[in-house]
């Protein structure tokens, strides 16, 4: 299989799979024999088509009277993505490759149907290439009339965000979500003092330990990765641990700890002295925490498969971090398919779960101790309103600070953090 064939299969699977896009991609690339260049192209086509789904549907609708079958729609969408969003690929090459894939998609018994489908794909994409300027003008006109199509975001999300931030900031956020994200590392000071020597990276203005990686494709093959000299994570995820401010020789509970990025950063800030309990309800995800702790040299972490309320009768901690499950609207740039999976009603359900987790974690925080609540959501229901209700129901806690990041303003993923102290 070449890169385009891999992207076709990935898109078809993504429509009917419960797995997230990054999991599907990892499986496909592991099974494929693509070289480095083709792997990058497959990733670009897959994620790009997911991000630009509404825009591609609009362009496709301008070129045909009725929707084609799902298999043909995927071929056309990948062709359109190359024609309209990847200018470095010549139009004739984009059309030819998708036509060849259309010829191969049917069994020998359907060779006649395969030829018809290939001819249809050829006609649609050649017309798109000829009429590219007109079609682009039609798409750009949607920016004024139906901007969620132009920016390829669900309408409910566009309307929710514009009601809160206004059009200009919402446009900036949607543009942010539609750009491929860079990869960052967090230097592990338990192992080294500066940047890993075998990773090309540049410092960030957001955090002194965060470095932007120049060649993400090679980073997991480096000696410094194997030695645990760094952890790959967006700089915004460091905010919650910095606000928690754990100290050496303290006891800390990291609730909802998987996959362990915040856990290992807590151990790093504690100089690997004291006690950390990393809990998660998923045994599979908890294995990731244990693996990361071992690689990074975080020896003070005990992994426990448990819900937060399992600790109620036998533990109190100096500091508790609740990195709560959320809608993830602050990380849509990294989760290309997530905007099409979430529904507005989920935000209300998640807020109720977050309140319950925070209230339970409060009972595990010793008098004088610190409780930190964090999400990677941009939504008030999951952030400020959870904090407001908790403060009203728990007068024994004082809200000391809240901090948040807004991607276009801060140049990192969206995050929210609140710090309480128990009197």
Foldseek 3Di string as FASTA:
>chain_A
DFLLVLLLVLVVCVVPDPDFSVVSLVVSVVPDPYDPVRNVSSVCLNLLCLQLVLLLVVLLVVQDPDDDPPSLSSLLSSLVCCLQPPPVDDNVVSQVVSLVVLCVPDDPVCNVVSNVSSVVSNVRSVVCNVCVVVSVVVLVVCCPVPVCSNLVFDSVVLVVVCVPPNDVLSVLQSVLLSDADFKKKFFQVLVPDDDDPPFDWAADPLDRRITTGDDPVCPCVDPCVQQQRIDIDWPVVVVQLVLLQDAAAFEEEEEQQFPAPSVSVNCSSNSLHHAYEYEEQDPVRLVNNVVSCVNNVNPRYDYDNDHLLVCLPPAAGQEYEDAADALLPLPSSVRSNSSVVDDPVVRQVRLVVLLVSQVSVVSRYDAQGKYKYKYLDPDCSNAVVSVVVNCVVCVQKDWDDKDWDDCSVRVTTTMIMTMITGD
